[in-house]
Amino acid sequence: MQFIVIEDFTGCDRKEIYRRFRDRGRLKPDELVVHHSWIAADMSRCFLLVEADDVTLLQRWVIEWADLVEFEIVPVATNKDMTEALSGHL
């Protein structure tokens, strides 16, 4: 499955977030694939497109950052996949 992950840095110590990222990396399980990431212009949020076969991989990742970052995780599908899945119902 693919997910949009929104890391919200509002009210967080951004220097500490970037320090940890610099020193320890993403701290994600190897099986969790990050396809793309974008940072908001004001550096208040990061948006990531990730893929995982097991949702517990996301939970393991969130635990590594929960002291510094607020997360929103949204399961997503491509327009093409959704159109094909709904084709018999439209």
N, C-alpha and C. Protein backbone atom coordinates (compact mmCIF):
# COMPACT_ATOMS: atom_id res chain seq x y z
N MET A 1 0.83 -1.19 0.00
CA MET A 1 0.00 0.00 0.00
C MET A 1 0.87 1.24 0.00
N GLN A 2 0.30 2.30 -0.57
CA GLN A 2 1.00 3.59 -0.54
C GLN A 2 0.30 4.53 0.44
N PHE A 3 1.10 5.40 1.02
CA PHE A 3 0.61 6.34 2.02
C PHE A 3 1.23 7.71 1.77
N ILE A 4 0.44 8.74 2.02
CA ILE A 4 1.00 10.08 2.16
C ILE A 4 1.22 10.27 3.65
N VAL A 5 2.44 10.59 4.01
CA VAL A 5 2.78 10.85 5.40
C VAL A 5 3.08 12.34 5.52
N ILE A 6 2.40 12.98 6.45
CA ILE A 6 2.63 14.40 6.71
C ILE A 6 3.28 14.50 8.09
N GLU A 7 4.50 14.99 8.08
CA GLU A 7 5.22 15.24 9.33
C GLU A 7 5.02 16.72 9.64
N ASP A 8 4.41 17.01 10.76
CA ASP A 8 4.12 18.38 11.15
C ASP A 8 5.13 18.82 12.21
N PHE A 9 5.89 19.86 11.88
CA PHE A 9 6.92 20.36 12.79
C PHE A 9 6.47 21.57 13.60
N THR A 10 5.20 21.98 13.45
CA THR A 10 4.68 23.14 14.16
C THR A 10 4.83 22.93 15.66
N GLY A 11 5.40 23.89 16.33
CA GLY A 11 5.58 23.79 17.77
C GLY A 11 6.68 22.84 18.19
N CYS A 12 7.44 22.34 17.24
CA CYS A 12 8.52 21.40 17.54
C CYS A 12 9.87 22.10 17.41
N ASP A 13 10.89 21.50 17.97
CA ASP A 13 12.24 22.01 17.86
C ASP A 13 12.83 21.56 16.52
N ARG A 14 12.70 22.40 15.51
CA ARG A 14 13.13 22.02 14.16
C ARG A 14 14.63 21.75 14.09
N LYS A 15 15.41 22.49 14.85
CA LYS A 15 16.85 22.23 14.84
C LYS A 15 17.15 20.83 15.35
N GLU A 16 16.42 20.40 16.39
CA GLU A 16 16.64 19.05 16.92
C GLU A 16 16.18 17.99 15.92
N ILE A 17 15.10 18.26 15.18
CA ILE A 17 14.62 17.33 14.15
C ILE A 17 15.71 17.15 13.09
N TYR A 18 16.22 18.25 12.57
CA TYR A 18 17.23 18.16 11.51
C TYR A 18 18.56 17.62 12.03
N ARG A 19 18.85 17.87 13.29
CA ARG A 19 20.07 17.32 13.90
C ARG A 19 19.97 15.79 13.94
N ARG A 20 18.82 15.28 14.41
CA ARG A 20 18.62 13.83 14.47
C ARG A 20 18.67 13.22 13.08
N PHE A 21 18.01 13.88 12.12
CA PHE A 21 18.01 13.38 10.75
C PHE A 21 19.44 13.33 10.21
N ARG A 22 20.21 14.39 10.45
CA ARG A 22 21.60 14.43 9.98
C ARG A 22 22.43 13.32 10.63
N ASP A 23 22.26 13.12 11.93
CA ASP A 23 23.09 12.18 12.68
C ASP A 23 22.66 10.73 12.54
N ARG A 24 21.33 10.49 12.38
CA ARG A 24 20.84 9.11 12.42
C ARG A 24 20.01 8.69 11.21
N GLY A 25 19.78 9.63 10.27
CA GLY A 25 18.99 9.29 9.09
C GLY A 25 17.50 9.28 9.38
N ARG A 26 16.73 8.65 8.49
CA ARG A 26 15.26 8.62 8.63
C ARG A 26 14.78 7.73 9.76
N LEU A 27 15.60 6.80 10.21
CA LEU A 27 15.25 5.86 11.27
C LEU A 27 14.04 5.01 10.92
N LYS A 28 13.90 4.69 9.66
CA LYS A 28 12.76 3.88 9.21
C LYS A 28 13.20 2.44 9.01
N PRO A 29 12.27 1.51 9.13
CA PRO A 29 12.61 0.12 8.80
C PRO A 29 13.00 0.02 7.32
N ASP A 30 13.93 -0.85 7.00
CA ASP A 30 14.41 -1.00 5.62
C ASP A 30 13.29 -1.34 4.65
N GLU A 31 12.28 -2.06 5.11
CA GLU A 31 11.19 -2.49 4.24
C GLU A 31 10.22 -1.36 3.88
N LEU A 32 10.29 -0.26 4.59
CA LEU A 32 9.45 0.91 4.30
C LEU A 32 10.15 1.73 3.22
N VAL A 33 9.49 1.88 2.08
CA VAL A 33 10.10 2.55 0.93
C VAL A 33 9.59 3.99 0.86
N VAL A 34 10.51 4.94 0.84
CA VAL A 34 10.16 6.35 0.64
C VAL A 34 10.39 6.67 -0.84
N HIS A 35 9.31 6.97 -1.55
CA HIS A 35 9.41 7.25 -2.98
C HIS A 35 9.80 8.71 -3.24
N HIS A 36 9.19 9.62 -2.52
CA HIS A 36 9.47 11.04 -2.69
C HIS A 36 9.20 11.76 -1.37
N SER A 37 9.85 12.88 -1.19
CA SER A 37 9.52 13.74 -0.04
C SER A 37 9.67 15.20 -0.46
N TRP A 38 8.84 16.03 0.15
CA TRP A 38 8.84 17.46 -0.13
C TRP A 38 8.74 18.19 1.20
N ILE A 39 9.43 19.32 1.29
CA ILE A 39 9.37 20.17 2.48
C ILE A 39 8.60 21.44 2.13
N ALA A 40 7.68 21.84 3.00
CA ALA A 40 6.95 23.09 2.79
C ALA A 40 7.95 24.25 2.79
N ALA A 41 7.64 25.30 2.05
CA ALA A 41 8.55 26.44 1.90
C ALA A 41 8.93 27.04 3.25
N ASP A 42 8.00 27.01 4.21
CA ASP A 42 8.31 27.58 5.53
C ASP A 42 8.92 26.55 6.49
N MET A 43 9.21 25.36 5.97
CA MET A 43 9.83 24.26 6.73
C MET A 43 8.97 23.79 7.91
N SER A 44 7.67 24.01 7.83
CA SER A 44 6.78 23.62 8.92
C SER A 44 6.30 22.17 8.80
N ARG A 45 6.38 21.61 7.58
CA ARG A 45 5.89 20.26 7.36
C ARG A 45 6.73 19.57 6.28
N CYS A 46 6.71 18.26 6.35
CA CYS A 46 7.32 17.44 5.30
C CYS A 46 6.23 16.49 4.81
N PHE A 47 6.16 16.32 3.49
CA PHE A 47 5.19 15.44 2.86
C PHE A 47 5.96 14.31 2.18
N LEU A 48 5.58 13.08 2.47
CA LEU A 48 6.29 11.94 1.91
C LEU A 48 5.31 10.97 1.26
N LEU A 49 5.73 10.39 0.16
CA LEU A 49 5.00 9.28 -0.43
C LEU A 49 5.78 8.03 -0.08
N VAL A 50 5.16 7.15 0.71
CA VAL A 50 5.85 5.94 1.17
C VAL A 50 5.03 4.71 0.80
N GLU A 51 5.70 3.58 0.81
CA GLU A 51 5.04 2.32 0.49
C GLU A 51 5.45 1.27 1.51
N ALA A 52 4.44 0.50 1.95
CA ALA A 52 4.69 -0.57 2.91
C ALA A 52 3.63 -1.64 2.75
N ASP A 53 4.05 -2.89 2.85
CA ASP A 53 3.10 -4.00 2.80
C ASP A 53 2.47 -4.26 4.16
N ASP A 54 3.09 -3.72 5.20
CA ASP A 54 2.65 -3.97 6.57
C ASP A 54 2.59 -2.62 7.31
N VAL A 55 1.41 -2.26 7.78
CA VAL A 55 1.23 -0.97 8.44
C VAL A 55 2.07 -0.83 9.71
N THR A 56 2.46 -1.94 10.32
CA THR A 56 3.29 -1.84 11.52
C THR A 56 4.66 -1.25 11.22
N LEU A 57 5.09 -1.31 9.95
CA LEU A 57 6.35 -0.65 9.58
C LEU A 57 6.23 0.85 9.79
N LEU A 58 5.08 1.42 9.44
CA LEU A 58 4.85 2.85 9.67
C LEU A 58 4.83 3.14 11.17
N GLN A 59 4.20 2.29 11.93
CA GLN A 59 4.13 2.49 13.38
C GLN A 59 5.52 2.44 14.01
N ARG A 60 6.36 1.52 13.55
CA ARG A 60 7.73 1.44 14.07
C ARG A 60 8.51 2.71 13.75
N TRP A 61 8.28 3.27 12.57
CA TRP A 61 8.96 4.49 12.15
C TRP A 61 8.49 5.68 12.99
N VAL A 62 7.18 5.80 13.17
CA VAL A 62 6.62 6.92 13.93
C VAL A 62 7.16 6.94 15.36
N ILE A 63 7.31 5.78 15.96
CA ILE A 63 7.81 5.71 17.33
C ILE A 63 9.19 6.36 17.46
N GLU A 64 10.01 6.24 16.42
CA GLU A 64 11.36 6.82 16.45
C GLU A 64 11.35 8.35 16.49
N TRP A 65 10.24 8.96 16.05
CA TRP A 65 10.16 10.42 15.92
C TRP A 65 9.06 11.05 16.78
N ALA A 66 8.27 10.25 17.45
CA ALA A 66 7.08 10.76 18.14
C ALA A 66 7.39 11.82 19.20
N ASP A 67 8.61 11.84 19.70
CA ASP A 67 8.96 12.85 20.70
C ASP A 67 9.21 14.22 20.07
N LEU A 68 9.37 14.28 18.74
CA LEU A 68 9.69 15.54 18.08
C LEU A 68 8.69 15.96 17.01
N VAL A 69 7.96 15.02 16.42
CA VAL A 69 7.16 15.29 15.23
C VAL A 69 5.75 14.74 15.41
N GLU A 70 4.76 15.48 14.89
CA GLU A 70 3.38 14.99 14.81
C GLU A 70 3.19 14.39 13.42
N PHE A 71 2.53 13.23 13.33
CA PHE A 71 2.34 12.54 12.07
C PHE A 71 0.86 12.46 11.69
N GLU A 72 0.60 12.57 10.41
CA GLU A 72 -0.68 12.20 9.82
C GLU A 72 -0.36 11.23 8.69
N ILE A 73 -1.04 10.10 8.68
CA ILE A 73 -0.77 9.06 7.69
C ILE A 73 -2.08 8.76 6.97
N VAL A 74 -2.04 8.91 5.63
CA VAL A 74 -3.24 8.76 4.82
C VAL A 74 -2.99 7.68 3.76
N PRO A 75 -3.74 6.56 3.80
CA PRO A 75 -3.60 5.57 2.72
C PRO A 75 -4.11 6.18 1.41
N VAL A 76 -3.38 5.94 0.31
CA VAL A 76 -3.76 6.53 -0.98
C VAL A 76 -3.64 5.48 -2.08
N ALA A 77 -4.33 5.77 -3.20
CA ALA A 77 -4.23 4.96 -4.42
C ALA A 77 -4.13 5.93 -5.58
N THR A 78 -3.51 5.49 -6.66
CA THR A 78 -3.43 6.34 -7.84
C THR A 78 -4.82 6.47 -8.47
N ASN A 79 -5.02 7.53 -9.25
CA ASN A 79 -6.28 7.69 -9.96
C ASN A 79 -6.56 6.50 -10.87
N LYS A 80 -5.53 6.04 -11.56
CA LYS A 80 -5.67 4.90 -12.46
C LYS A 80 -6.14 3.66 -11.71
N ASP A 81 -5.50 3.35 -10.59
CA ASP A 81 -5.89 2.17 -9.80
C ASP A 81 -7.31 2.29 -9.29
N MET A 82 -7.70 3.48 -8.84
CA MET A 82 -9.05 3.68 -8.31
C MET A 82 -10.09 3.56 -9.41
N THR A 83 -9.79 4.12 -10.60
CA THR A 83 -10.71 4.02 -11.73
C THR A 83 -10.91 2.56 -12.13
N GLU A 84 -9.83 1.80 -12.18
CA GLU A 84 -9.93 0.38 -12.52
C GLU A 84 -10.71 -0.38 -11.46
N ALA A 85 -10.48 -0.09 -10.20
CA ALA A 85 -11.18 -0.79 -9.13
C ALA A 85 -12.69 -0.50 -9.15
N LEU A 86 -13.05 0.70 -9.56
CA LEU A 86 -14.47 1.10 -9.57
C LEU A 86 -15.15 0.90 -10.92
N SER A 87 -14.42 0.44 -11.93
CA SER A 87 -14.95 0.39 -13.29
C SER A 87 -16.25 -0.41 -13.40
N GLY A 88 -16.40 -1.47 -12.66
CA GLY A 88 -17.61 -2.27 -12.72
C GLY A 88 -18.78 -1.68 -11.96
N HIS A 89 -18.53 -0.60 -11.21
CA HIS A 89 -19.55 0.01 -10.37
C HIS A 89 -20.00 1.36 -10.87
N LEU A 90 -19.43 1.83 -11.98
CA LEU A 90 -19.76 3.16 -12.48
C LEU A 90 -20.72 3.08 -13.64
